[in-house]
Amino acid sequence: MRYLVNDSTDACRNMAFDEFTLESLPLDEPVFYLWRNAPSVIIGLNQSAYAEVNLPYLQAHGIALARRVTGGGAVYHDLQNLNYTIVGKSRDLNADYPDYLHLMVNALRQLGVAAELSGRNDIMVDGRKCSGYAKRVWKDRLMVHGTLMFDVDLSVLQDVLSVPGSKMAASGVASVRSKVANLKDYLPAFKDVLALKDALHRILAGADEEVILTDSQQAEIERIANEKFRTWDWLYGRSPEAQFRASKKFACGTVEVNWSVRHGLLEDVRFGGDFLGNLSAEGLAGGLNGLRFDGQVILAALRTENVSDYFDGLVAEDILGLMM
């Protein structure tokens, strides 16, 4: 099978690379490419970033957030995870979709991994998930892309996909948690993920040649990344409604806050509890509605008020900490 080379580890650019290949690359036959992301969380098309991802953890550890154009759940990538994409024309989705998946399954089997397709969208080994995949159809084209966990830091994976306990409920597609496996455990002869990448490339490419992108095509991918995949509207604004609640005991009493986030904006902010204050907290809550659910934006709004008028002895940072 002919192939593309994508050496970028920028998650948002790689989402743009997928979209360009699916929608704009001239294709007479299927192509594939293997690629990696620097530490990042990739959420599905229909997911809420706020309900699926521990955003404060991402920000504290410099982990990127990206949203892909396919459905399914949130996944964590680092440089020890290998991604694959296969794109081609399709006249029969019922046949082509499993055929594309079996290309990767059969390649893993050739390397000695007893890989099996699950009933969902996973590739399993010994009953544990080593790959999740998703698809998208565009006109007469089909794209299948997925992950191959080689030596992913599973402790970070757990932390980034563990939303703090303030979450109440969220609409959209929730992630399904599975027992996971690193392929390193089943491929002891491979010293690192790049060795796996080289071996899979040889199997999938055979004697076929590279499809080389022009400078203008590379520039178009960068344009798509900047104008779509790196934007706040795409990353956060697409998020379906999520509802949250948080509570904490302060010197002035217990403060509880309930709020919703729809398309990235705060709605229905309500304070409750047995706290003491001079003014009704409804006034403060009303000023937060309609703001982006972003720590800096919320802090700036809180600082325009004297928060201690509503909660004795508290400052803007106390309320921000409660919500974020």
C-alpha atoms as a PDB file:
ATOM      1  CA  MET A   1       0.000   0.000   0.000  1.00  0.00           C
ATOM      2  CA  ARG A   2       1.309   3.505  -0.816  1.00  0.00           C
ATOM      3  CA  TYR A   3       2.069   5.729   2.138  1.00  0.00           C
ATOM      4  CA  LEU A   4       2.493   9.272   3.377  1.00  0.00           C
ATOM      5  CA  VAL A   5       5.124  10.472   5.830  1.00  0.00           C
ATOM      6  CA  ASN A   6       3.907  12.583   8.729  1.00  0.00           C
ATOM      7  CA  ASP A   7       6.683  13.413  11.196  1.00  0.00           C
ATOM      8  CA  SER A   8       4.725  16.064  13.103  1.00  0.00           C
ATOM      9  CA  THR A   9       4.023  15.433  16.791  1.00  0.00           C
ATOM     10  CA  ASP A  10       1.642  18.416  17.087  1.00  0.00           C
ATOM     11  CA  ALA A  11      -1.762  16.900  17.869  1.00  0.00           C
ATOM     12  CA  CYS A  12      -3.849  19.666  16.287  1.00  0.00           C
ATOM     13  CA  ARG A  13      -1.765  19.647  13.123  1.00  0.00           C
ATOM     14  CA  ASN A  14      -2.107  15.889  12.943  1.00  0.00           C
ATOM     15  CA  MET A  15      -5.889  16.186  13.146  1.00  0.00           C
ATOM     16  CA  ALA A  16      -5.647  18.609  10.206  1.00  0.00           C
ATOM     17  CA  PHE A  17      -3.402  16.137   8.361  1.00  0.00           C
ATOM     18  CA  ASP A  18      -6.123  13.493   8.684  1.00  0.00           C
ATOM     19  CA  GLU A  19      -8.819  15.854   7.424  1.00  0.00           C
ATOM     20  CA  PHE A  20      -6.740  17.022   4.466  1.00  0.00           C
ATOM     21  CA  THR A  21      -5.917  13.464   3.451  1.00  0.00           C
ATOM     22  CA  LEU A  22      -9.550  12.411   3.648  1.00  0.00           C
ATOM     23  CA  GLU A  23     -11.089  15.402   1.903  1.00  0.00           C
ATOM     24  CA  SER A  24      -8.448  16.882  -0.398  1.00  0.00           C
ATOM     25  CA  LEU A  25      -5.645  14.482  -1.290  1.00  0.00           C
ATOM     26  CA  PRO A  26      -6.007  13.035  -4.822  1.00  0.00           C
ATOM     27  CA  LEU A  27      -6.494   9.292  -4.354  1.00  0.00           C
ATOM     28  CA  ASP A  28      -6.663   6.414  -6.792  1.00  0.00           C
ATOM     29  CA  GLU A  29      -5.896   3.742  -4.208  1.00  0.00           C
ATOM     30  CA  PRO A  30      -5.722   3.527  -0.399  1.00  0.00           C
ATOM     31  CA  VAL A  31      -2.837   5.153   1.453  1.00  0.00           C
ATOM     32  CA  PHE A  32      -1.629   4.848   5.035  1.00  0.00           C
ATOM     33  CA  TYR A  33       0.659   6.691   7.398  1.00  0.00           C
ATOM     34  CA  LEU A  34       2.045   6.096  10.877  1.00  0.00           C
ATOM     35  CA  TRP A  35       2.444   9.040  13.212  1.00  0.00           C
ATOM     36  CA  ARG A  36       2.847  10.135  16.826  1.00  0.00           C
ATOM     37  CA  ASN A  37       1.693  12.928  19.114  1.00  0.00           C
ATOM     38  CA  ALA A  38       3.551  14.649  21.904  1.00  0.00           C
ATOM     39  CA  PRO A  39       1.652  14.234  25.216  1.00  0.00           C
ATOM     40  CA  SER A  40      -1.946  15.126  24.446  1.00  0.00           C
ATOM     41  CA  VAL A  41      -5.547  14.140  25.028  1.00  0.00           C
ATOM     42  CA  ILE A  42      -7.682  13.627  21.940  1.00  0.00           C
ATOM     43  CA  ILE A  43     -11.428  13.833  22.493  1.00  0.00           C
ATOM     44  CA  GLY A  44     -14.091  12.525  20.154  1.00  0.00           C
ATOM     45  CA  LEU A  45     -16.167  14.732  17.886  1.00  0.00           C
ATOM     46  CA  ASN A  46     -19.244  14.643  20.139  1.00  0.00           C
ATOM     47  CA  GLN A  47     -17.602  14.912  23.556  1.00  0.00           C
ATOM     48  CA  SER A  48     -17.439  17.640  26.164  1.00  0.00           C
ATOM     49  CA  ALA A  49     -13.869  18.646  26.940  1.00  0.00           C
ATOM     50  CA  TYR A  50     -15.022  19.711  30.407  1.00  0.00           C
ATOM     51  CA  ALA A  51     -16.711  16.427  31.295  1.00  0.00           C
ATOM     52  CA  GLU A  52     -14.114  14.046  29.831  1.00  0.00           C
ATOM     53  CA  VAL A  53     -10.734  15.577  30.602  1.00  0.00           C
ATOM     54  CA  ASN A  54      -8.955  16.748  33.726  1.00  0.00           C
ATOM     55  CA  LEU A  55      -8.210  20.158  32.242  1.00  0.00           C
ATOM     56  CA  PRO A  56      -6.331  21.561  35.269  1.00  0.00           C
ATOM     57  CA  TYR A  57      -3.988  18.552  35.106  1.00  0.00           C
ATOM     58  CA  LEU A  58      -3.392  19.146  31.398  1.00  0.00           C
ATOM     59  CA  GLN A  59      -2.591  22.795  31.971  1.00  0.00           C
ATOM     60  CA  ALA A  60      -0.287  22.071  34.914  1.00  0.00           C
ATOM     61  CA  HIS A  61       1.689  19.442  32.985  1.00  0.00           C
ATOM     62  CA  GLY A  62       1.818  21.053  29.547  1.00  0.00           C
ATOM     63  CA  ILE A  63      -0.338  18.370  27.904  1.00  0.00           C
ATOM     64  CA  ALA A  64      -2.161  19.438  24.746  1.00  0.00           C
ATOM     65  CA  LEU A  65      -5.862  19.046  24.007  1.00  0.00           C
ATOM     66  CA  ALA A  66      -7.183  18.197  20.550  1.00  0.00           C
ATOM     67  CA  ARG A  67     -10.558  17.239  19.112  1.00  0.00           C
ATOM     68  CA  ARG A  68     -10.724  14.825  16.209  1.00  0.00           C
ATOM     69  CA  VAL A  69     -13.313  14.568  13.422  1.00  0.00           C
ATOM     70  CA  THR A  70     -14.356  11.040  14.357  1.00  0.00           C
ATOM     71  CA  GLY A  71     -16.583   9.831  17.164  1.00  0.00           C
ATOM     72  CA  GLY A  72     -15.789   7.684  20.174  1.00  0.00           C
ATOM     73  CA  GLY A  73     -14.100   8.412  23.458  1.00  0.00           C
ATOM     74  CA  ALA A  74     -11.184  10.392  24.820  1.00  0.00           C
ATOM     75  CA  VAL A  75      -7.685   8.917  24.517  1.00  0.00           C
ATOM     76  CA  TYR A  76      -4.279   9.857  25.870  1.00  0.00           C
ATOM     77  CA  HIS A  77      -1.279   9.938  23.512  1.00  0.00           C
ATOM     78  CA  ASP A  78       2.394  10.333  24.242  1.00  0.00           C
ATOM     79  CA  LEU A  79       5.468   9.626  22.149  1.00  0.00           C
ATOM     80  CA  GLN A  80       5.326   5.961  23.143  1.00  0.00           C
ATOM     81  CA  ASN A  81       1.970   5.615  21.380  1.00  0.00           C
ATOM     82  CA  LEU A  82       1.900   4.953  17.639  1.00  0.00           C
ATOM     83  CA  ASN A  83      -1.053   6.102  15.552  1.00  0.00           C
ATOM     84  CA  TYR A  84      -2.149   4.801  12.183  1.00  0.00           C
ATOM     85  CA  THR A  85      -4.430   6.222   9.506  1.00  0.00           C
ATOM     86  CA  ILE A  86      -5.741   4.478   6.382  1.00  0.00           C
ATOM     87  CA  VAL A  87      -7.679   6.471   3.771  1.00  0.00           C
ATOM     88  CA  GLY A  88      -9.148   5.302   0.497  1.00  0.00           C
ATOM     89  CA  LYS A  89     -12.151   5.379  -1.785  1.00  0.00           C
ATOM     90  CA  SER A  90     -14.975   3.121  -0.679  1.00  0.00           C
ATOM     91  CA  ARG A  91     -17.801   1.679  -2.721  1.00  0.00           C
ATOM     92  CA  ASP A  92     -18.858  -0.779  -0.017  1.00  0.00           C
ATOM     93  CA  LEU A  93     -18.421   0.402   3.569  1.00  0.00           C
ATOM     94  CA  ASN A  94     -19.579  -2.910   5.013  1.00  0.00           C
ATOM     95  CA  ALA A  95     -16.652  -4.595   3.291  1.00  0.00           C
ATOM     96  CA  ASP A  96     -14.003  -1.869   3.267  1.00  0.00           C
ATOM     97  CA  TYR A  97     -14.236  -0.887   6.945  1.00  0.00           C
ATOM     98  CA  PRO A  98     -13.351  -4.345   8.332  1.00  0.00           C
ATOM     99  CA  ASP A  99     -10.809  -4.829   5.550  1.00  0.00           C
ATOM    100  CA  TYR A 100      -8.949  -1.702   6.637  1.00  0.00           C
ATOM    101  CA  LEU A 101      -8.979  -2.851  10.259  1.00  0.00           C
ATOM    102  CA  HIS A 102      -7.739  -6.295   9.386  1.00  0.00           C
ATOM    103  CA  LEU A 103      -4.730  -4.736   7.660  1.00  0.00           C
ATOM    104  CA  MET A 104      -3.488  -3.581  11.054  1.00  0.00           C
ATOM    105  CA  VAL A 105      -4.595  -6.690  12.938  1.00  0.00           C
ATOM    106  CA  ASN A 106      -2.835  -8.954  10.440  1.00  0.00           C
ATOM    107  CA  ALA A 107       0.306  -6.807  10.569  1.00  0.00           C
ATOM    108  CA  LEU A 108       0.406  -7.162  14.365  1.00  0.00           C
ATOM    109  CA  ARG A 109      -0.064 -10.906  14.052  1.00  0.00           C
ATOM    110  CA  GLN A 110       2.878 -11.080  11.679  1.00  0.00           C
ATOM    111  CA  LEU A 111       4.945  -9.500  14.441  1.00  0.00           C
ATOM    112  CA  GLY A 112       3.800 -12.151  16.908  1.00  0.00           C
ATOM    113  CA  VAL A 113       0.984 -10.304  18.710  1.00  0.00           C
ATOM    114  CA  ALA A 114      -2.237 -12.326  19.087  1.00  0.00           C
ATOM    115  CA  ALA A 115      -4.386  -9.331  18.137  1.00  0.00           C
ATOM    116  CA  GLU A 116      -8.167  -9.609  17.812  1.00  0.00           C
ATOM    117  CA  LEU A 117     -10.908  -7.166  16.879  1.00  0.00           C
ATOM    118  CA  SER A 118     -13.404  -6.588  19.675  1.00  0.00           C
ATOM    119  CA  GLY A 119     -17.132  -6.145  19.263  1.00  0.00           C
ATOM    120  CA  ARG A 120     -16.659  -2.420  19.812  1.00  0.00           C
ATOM    121  CA  ASN A 121     -13.956  -0.241  18.326  1.00  0.00           C
ATOM    122  CA  ASP A 122     -10.921  -1.848  19.906  1.00  0.00           C
ATOM    123  CA  ILE A 123      -8.077  -4.182  19.055  1.00  0.00           C
ATOM    124  CA  MET A 124      -7.466  -6.542  21.949  1.00  0.00           C
ATOM    125  CA  VAL A 125      -4.648  -8.766  23.134  1.00  0.00           C
ATOM    126  CA  ASP A 126      -5.192 -11.189  26.026  1.00  0.00           C
ATOM    127  CA  GLY A 127      -8.517  -9.499  26.758  1.00  0.00           C
ATOM    128  CA  ARG A 128      -6.935  -6.055  27.123  1.00  0.00           C
ATOM    129  CA  LYS A 129      -7.169  -3.089  24.806  1.00  0.00           C
ATOM    130  CA  CYS A 130      -4.002  -2.166  22.907  1.00  0.00           C
ATOM    131  CA  SER A 131      -5.692  -0.076  20.216  1.00  0.00           C
ATOM    132  CA  GLY A 132      -8.790   2.036  19.826  1.00  0.00           C
ATOM    133  CA  TYR A 133      -9.968   3.065  16.386  1.00  0.00           C
ATOM    134  CA  ALA A 134     -12.625   5.203  14.737  1.00  0.00           C
ATOM    135  CA  LYS A 135     -13.858   5.978  11.243  1.00  0.00           C
ATOM    136  CA  ARG A 136     -15.201   8.829   9.154  1.00  0.00           C
ATOM    137  CA  VAL A 137     -16.872   8.805   5.749  1.00  0.00           C
ATOM    138  CA  TRP A 138     -16.575  11.766   3.378  1.00  0.00           C
ATOM    139  CA  LYS A 139     -18.349  11.450   0.034  1.00  0.00           C
ATOM    140  CA  ASP A 140     -16.904   8.290  -1.539  1.00  0.00           C
ATOM    141  CA  ARG A 141     -13.975   8.067   0.877  1.00  0.00           C
ATOM    142  CA  LEU A 142     -13.381   6.207   4.109  1.00  0.00           C
ATOM    143  CA  MET A 143     -10.838   7.015   6.807  1.00  0.00           C
ATOM    144  CA  VAL A 144      -9.940   4.655   9.630  1.00  0.00           C
ATOM    145  CA  HIS A 145      -7.505   5.813  12.286  1.00  0.00           C
ATOM    146  CA  GLY A 146      -6.450   4.448  15.626  1.00  0.00           C
ATOM    147  CA  THR A 147      -3.862   4.067  18.349  1.00  0.00           C
ATOM    148  CA  LEU A 148      -1.261   1.435  19.158  1.00  0.00           C
ATOM    149  CA  MET A 149      -0.048   1.687  22.737  1.00  0.00           C
ATOM    150  CA  PHE A 150       3.586   0.579  22.888  1.00  0.00           C
ATOM    151  CA  ASP A 151       4.879   1.927  26.207  1.00  0.00           C
ATOM    152  CA  VAL A 152       2.413   4.646  27.173  1.00  0.00           C
ATOM    153  CA  ASP A 153       2.670   6.067  30.704  1.00  0.00           C
ATOM    154  CA  LEU A 154      -0.466   4.495  32.152  1.00  0.00           C
ATOM    155  CA  SER A 155      -0.331   6.577  35.336  1.00  0.00           C
ATOM    156  CA  VAL A 156      -0.608   9.787  33.308  1.00  0.00           C
ATOM    157  CA  LEU A 157      -3.341   8.215  31.177  1.00  0.00           C
ATOM    158  CA  GLN A 158      -5.327   7.596  34.357  1.00  0.00           C
ATOM    159  CA  ASP A 159      -4.800  11.136  35.661  1.00  0.00           C
ATOM    160  CA  VAL A 160      -5.686  13.031  32.488  1.00  0.00           C
ATOM    161  CA  LEU A 161      -8.897  11.085  31.924  1.00  0.00           C
ATOM    162  CA  SER A 162     -10.038  11.317  35.547  1.00  0.00           C
ATOM    163  CA  VAL A 163     -12.297  14.360  35.830  1.00  0.00           C
ATOM    164  CA  PRO A 164     -12.348  15.946  39.304  1.00  0.00           C
ATOM    165  CA  GLY A 165     -15.304  14.917  41.428  1.00  0.00           C
ATOM    166  CA  SER A 166     -17.303  18.091  40.750  1.00  0.00           C
ATOM    167  CA  LYS A 167     -18.750  16.561  37.588  1.00  0.00           C
ATOM    168  CA  MET A 168     -22.442  15.719  37.828  1.00  0.00           C
ATOM    169  CA  ALA A 169     -23.513  14.708  34.341  1.00  0.00           C
ATOM    170  CA  ALA A 170     -22.787  15.401  30.713  1.00  0.00           C
ATOM    171  CA  SER A 171     -24.584  14.812  27.465  1.00  0.00           C
ATOM    172  CA  GLY A 172     -22.757  13.696  24.325  1.00  0.00           C
ATOM    173  CA  VAL A 173     -20.640  10.571  24.076  1.00  0.00           C
ATOM    174  CA  ALA A 174     -18.940   9.439  27.274  1.00  0.00           C
ATOM    175  CA  SER A 175     -15.712   7.495  27.128  1.00  0.00           C
ATOM    176  CA  VAL A 176     -15.771   3.796  27.897  1.00  0.00           C
ATOM    177  CA  ARG A 177     -12.912   2.783  30.182  1.00  0.00           C
ATOM    178  CA  SER A 178     -11.199  -0.490  29.325  1.00  0.00           C
ATOM    179  CA  LYS A 179      -8.357  -2.540  30.706  1.00  0.00           C
ATOM    180  CA  VAL A 180      -5.393  -1.550  28.587  1.00  0.00           C
ATOM    181  CA  ALA A 181      -2.171  -3.196  27.496  1.00  0.00           C
ATOM    182  CA  ASN A 182       1.130  -1.864  26.229  1.00  0.00           C
ATOM    183  CA  LEU A 183       2.428  -3.786  23.228  1.00  0.00           C
ATOM    184  CA  LYS A 184       5.935  -3.626  24.679  1.00  0.00           C
ATOM    185  CA  ASP A 185       4.906  -6.516  26.919  1.00  0.00           C
ATOM    186  CA  TYR A 186       4.206  -8.660  23.851  1.00  0.00           C
ATOM    187  CA  LEU A 187       7.102  -7.504  21.668  1.00  0.00           C
ATOM    188  CA  PRO A 188      10.223  -7.934  23.810  1.00  0.00           C
ATOM    189  CA  ALA A 189      12.485  -7.838  20.748  1.00  0.00           C
ATOM    190  CA  PHE A 190      11.467  -4.239  19.969  1.00  0.00           C
ATOM    191  CA  LYS A 191      13.615  -1.721  21.825  1.00  0.00           C
ATOM    192  CA  ASP A 192      11.244   1.229  21.351  1.00  0.00           C
ATOM    193  CA  VAL A 193       8.154   2.508  19.562  1.00  0.00           C
ATOM    194  CA  LEU A 194      10.183   3.591  16.534  1.00  0.00           C
ATOM    195  CA  ALA A 195      11.258  -0.006  15.999  1.00  0.00           C
ATOM    196  CA  LEU A 196       7.587  -0.993  15.987  1.00  0.00           C
ATOM    197  CA  LYS A 197       6.840   1.820  13.553  1.00  0.00           C
ATOM    198  CA  ASP A 198       9.557   0.638  11.151  1.00  0.00           C
ATOM    199  CA  ALA A 199       8.387  -2.972  11.293  1.00  0.00           C
ATOM    200  CA  LEU A 200       4.732  -2.115  10.670  1.00  0.00           C
ATOM    201  CA  HIS A 201       5.700   0.233   7.864  1.00  0.00           C
ATOM    202  CA  ARG A 202       7.607  -2.510   6.074  1.00  0.00           C
ATOM    203  CA  ILE A 203       4.661  -4.886   6.328  1.00  0.00           C
ATOM    204  CA  LEU A 204       2.007  -2.392   5.220  1.00  0.00           C
ATOM    205  CA  ALA A 205       4.012  -0.644   2.498  1.00  0.00           C
ATOM    206  CA  GLY A 206       5.656  -3.659   0.943  1.00  0.00           C
ATOM    207  CA  ALA A 207       7.313  -2.446  -2.243  1.00  0.00           C
ATOM    208  CA  ASP A 208       4.912   0.462  -2.777  1.00  0.00           C
ATOM    209  CA  GLU A 209       6.105   4.067  -2.939  1.00  0.00           C
ATOM    210  CA  GLU A 210       5.621   7.199  -0.890  1.00  0.00           C
ATOM    211  CA  VAL A 211       3.022   9.795  -1.836  1.00  0.00           C
ATOM    212  CA  ILE A 212       4.953  13.062  -1.439  1.00  0.00           C
ATOM    213  CA  LEU A 213       3.011  16.159  -0.450  1.00  0.00           C
ATOM    214  CA  THR A 214       3.847  19.442  -2.156  1.00  0.00           C
ATOM    215  CA  ASP A 215       4.774  22.593  -0.258  1.00  0.00           C
ATOM    216  CA  SER A 216       1.342  24.030  -1.033  1.00  0.00           C
ATOM    217  CA  GLN A 217      -0.361  20.925   0.343  1.00  0.00           C
ATOM    218  CA  GLN A 218       1.704  21.150   3.531  1.00  0.00           C
ATOM    219  CA  ALA A 219       0.757  24.822   3.805  1.00  0.00           C
ATOM    220  CA  GLU A 220      -2.907  23.908   3.409  1.00  0.00           C
ATOM    221  CA  ILE A 221      -2.640  21.434   6.283  1.00  0.00           C
ATOM    222  CA  GLU A 222      -1.157  24.168   8.469  1.00  0.00           C
ATOM    223  CA  ARG A 223      -3.965  26.543   7.462  1.00  0.00           C
ATOM    224  CA  ILE A 224      -6.594  23.963   8.446  1.00  0.00           C
ATOM    225  CA  ALA A 225      -4.834  23.419  11.780  1.00  0.00           C
ATOM    226  CA  ASN A 226      -4.778  27.146  12.544  1.00  0.00           C
ATOM    227  CA  GLU A 227      -8.268  27.999  11.337  1.00  0.00           C
ATOM    228  CA  LYS A 228     -10.058  24.958  12.746  1.00  0.00           C
ATOM    229  CA  PHE A 229      -8.268  22.494  14.985  1.00  0.00           C
ATOM    230  CA  ARG A 230      -6.348  24.973  17.162  1.00  0.00           C
ATOM    231  CA  THR A 231      -9.303  27.291  17.758  1.00  0.00           C
ATOM    232  CA  TRP A 232     -11.194  27.630  21.020  1.00  0.00           C
ATOM    233  CA  ASP A 233     -14.473  27.145  19.154  1.00  0.00           C
ATOM    234  CA  TRP A 234     -13.381  23.704  17.927  1.00  0.00           C
ATOM    235  CA  LEU A 235     -11.701  22.532  21.121  1.00  0.00           C
ATOM    236  CA  TYR A 236     -14.214  23.839  23.642  1.00  0.00           C
ATOM    237  CA  GLY A 237     -17.102  25.530  21.855  1.00  0.00           C
ATOM    238  CA  ARG A 238     -18.320  22.271  20.320  1.00  0.00           C
ATOM    239  CA  SER A 239     -18.721  20.710  23.761  1.00  0.00           C
ATOM    240  CA  PRO A 240     -22.293  19.594  24.464  1.00  0.00           C
ATOM    241  CA  GLU A 241     -23.883  20.552  27.764  1.00  0.00           C
ATOM    242  CA  ALA A 242     -22.185  19.386  30.944  1.00  0.00           C
ATOM    243  CA  GLN A 243     -23.382  20.045  34.484  1.00  0.00           C
ATOM    244  CA  PHE A 244     -21.100  20.509  37.475  1.00  0.00           C
ATOM    245  CA  ARG A 245     -21.268  20.910  41.233  1.00  0.00           C
ATOM    246  CA  ALA A 246     -18.545  21.737  43.738  1.00  0.00           C
ATOM    247  CA  SER A 247     -18.601  22.369  47.469  1.00  0.00           C
ATOM    248  CA  LYS A 248     -16.023  23.465  50.045  1.00  0.00           C
ATOM    249  CA  LYS A 249     -16.036  24.557  53.684  1.00  0.00           C
ATOM    250  CA  PHE A 250     -14.484  27.981  54.320  1.00  0.00           C
ATOM    251  CA  ALA A 251     -14.245  30.135  57.454  1.00  0.00           C
ATOM    252  CA  CYS A 252     -17.472  31.868  56.374  1.00  0.00           C
ATOM    253  CA  GLY A 253     -19.273  28.542  56.005  1.00  0.00           C
ATOM    254  CA  THR A 254     -19.830  25.960  53.295  1.00  0.00           C
ATOM    255  CA  VAL A 255     -20.064  27.326  49.759  1.00  0.00           C
ATOM    256  CA  GLU A 256     -21.650  25.185  47.053  1.00  0.00           C
ATOM    257  CA  VAL A 257     -21.751  26.187  43.407  1.00  0.00           C
ATOM    258  CA  ASN A 258     -23.718  24.567  40.605  1.00  0.00           C
ATOM    259  CA  TRP A 259     -23.291  25.461  36.962  1.00  0.00           C
ATOM    260  CA  SER A 260     -23.682  24.217  33.411  1.00  0.00           C
ATOM    261  CA  VAL A 261     -21.330  24.580  30.473  1.00  0.00           C
ATOM    262  CA  ARG A 262     -22.855  24.617  27.000  1.00  0.00           C
ATOM    263  CA  HIS A 263     -20.668  25.145  23.945  1.00  0.00           C
ATOM    264  CA  GLY A 264     -17.910  26.291  26.261  1.00  0.00           C
ATOM    265  CA  LEU A 265     -19.973  29.007  28.000  1.00  0.00           C
ATOM    266  CA  LEU A 266     -21.154  29.189  31.602  1.00  0.00           C
ATOM    267  CA  GLU A 267     -24.907  28.920  32.175  1.00  0.00           C
ATOM    268  CA  ASP A 268     -27.204  28.758  35.211  1.00  0.00           C
ATOM    269  CA  VAL A 269     -24.530  29.540  37.812  1.00  0.00           C
ATOM    270  CA  ARG A 270     -26.028  29.180  41.300  1.00  0.00           C
ATOM    271  CA  PHE A 271     -24.433  29.505  44.752  1.00  0.00           C
ATOM    272  CA  GLY A 272     -25.780  27.823  47.872  1.00  0.00           C
ATOM    273  CA  GLY A 273     -24.661  26.772  51.336  1.00  0.00           C
ATOM    274  CA  ASP A 274     -24.588  28.071  54.910  1.00  0.00           C
ATOM    275  CA  PHE A 275     -21.993  30.776  54.280  1.00  0.00           C
ATOM    276  CA  LEU A 276     -22.251  34.332  55.609  1.00  0.00           C
ATOM    277  CA  GLY A 277     -22.109  37.462  53.456  1.00  0.00           C
ATOM    278  CA  ASN A 278     -23.526  40.956  53.168  1.00  0.00           C
ATOM    279  CA  LEU A 279     -25.032  40.654  49.679  1.00  0.00           C
ATOM    280  CA  SER A 280     -26.991  37.950  47.896  1.00  0.00           C
ATOM    281  CA  ALA A 281     -24.667  35.690  45.886  1.00  0.00           C
ATOM    282  CA  GLU A 282     -27.186  35.788  43.053  1.00  0.00           C
ATOM    283  CA  GLY A 283     -25.625  39.054  41.957  1.00  0.00           C
ATOM    284  CA  LEU A 284     -22.191  37.482  41.644  1.00  0.00           C
ATOM    285  CA  ALA A 285     -23.581  34.395  39.885  1.00  0.00           C
ATOM    286  CA  GLY A 286     -25.398  36.509  37.314  1.00  0.00           C
ATOM    287  CA  GLY A 287     -22.160  38.185  36.272  1.00  0.00           C
ATOM    288  CA  LEU A 288     -20.585  34.813  35.457  1.00  0.00           C
ATOM    289  CA  ASN A 289     -23.296  33.560  33.122  1.00  0.00           C
ATOM    290  CA  GLY A 290     -22.291  33.749  29.468  1.00  0.00           C
ATOM    291  CA  LEU A 291     -18.541  33.750  30.137  1.00  0.00           C
ATOM    292  CA  ARG A 292     -16.172  31.211  28.666  1.00  0.00           C
ATOM    293  CA  PHE A 293     -15.461  28.417  31.102  1.00  0.00           C
ATOM    294  CA  ASP A 294     -11.830  29.459  31.281  1.00  0.00           C
ATOM    295  CA  GLY A 295      -9.922  30.151  34.466  1.00  0.00           C
ATOM    296  CA  GLN A 296      -8.435  33.473  33.384  1.00  0.00           C
ATOM    297  CA  VAL A 297     -11.759  34.759  32.057  1.00  0.00           C
ATOM    298  CA  ILE A 298     -13.607  33.788  35.249  1.00  0.00           C
ATOM    299  CA  LEU A 299     -10.892  35.275  37.462  1.00  0.00           C
ATOM    300  CA  ALA A 300     -10.990  38.568  35.592  1.00  0.00           C
ATOM    301  CA  ALA A 301     -14.769  38.764  36.081  1.00  0.00           C
ATOM    302  CA  LEU A 302     -14.561  37.885  39.782  1.00  0.00           C
ATOM    303  CA  ARG A 303     -11.945  40.576  40.325  1.00  0.00           C
ATOM    304  CA  THR A 304     -14.369  43.229  39.117  1.00  0.00           C
ATOM    305  CA  GLU A 305     -16.416  42.453  42.228  1.00  0.00           C
ATOM    306  CA  ASN A 306     -15.650  42.625  45.936  1.00  0.00           C
ATOM    307  CA  VAL A 307     -16.099  38.897  46.528  1.00  0.00           C
ATOM    308  CA  SER A 308     -16.014  39.328  50.321  1.00  0.00           C
ATOM    309  CA  ASP A 309     -19.309  41.228  50.032  1.00  0.00           C
ATOM    310  CA  TYR A 310     -20.923  37.930  49.044  1.00  0.00           C
ATOM    311  CA  PHE A 311     -18.763  35.495  51.064  1.00  0.00           C
ATOM    312  CA  ASP A 312     -17.210  36.911  54.243  1.00  0.00           C
ATOM    313  CA  GLY A 313     -13.428  36.930  54.003  1.00  0.00           C
ATOM    314  CA  LEU A 314     -13.144  35.254  50.607  1.00  0.00           C
ATOM    315  CA  VAL A 315     -11.385  36.612  47.515  1.00  0.00           C
ATOM    316  CA  ALA A 316     -11.764  35.957  43.794  1.00  0.00           C
ATOM    317  CA  GLU A 317      -9.132  33.203  43.830  1.00  0.00           C
ATOM    318  CA  ASP A 318     -11.133  31.239  46.412  1.00  0.00           C
ATOM    319  CA  ILE A 319     -14.189  31.048  44.159  1.00  0.00           C
ATOM    320  CA  LEU A 320     -12.076  30.285  41.098  1.00  0.00           C
ATOM    321  CA  GLY A 321     -10.368  27.446  42.977  1.00  0.00           C
ATOM    322  CA  LEU A 322     -13.746  26.050  43.957  1.00  0.00           C
ATOM    323  CA  MET A 323     -14.965  26.005  40.371  1.00  0.00           C
ATOM    324  CA  MET A 324     -11.782  24.946  38.599  1.00  0.00           C
END
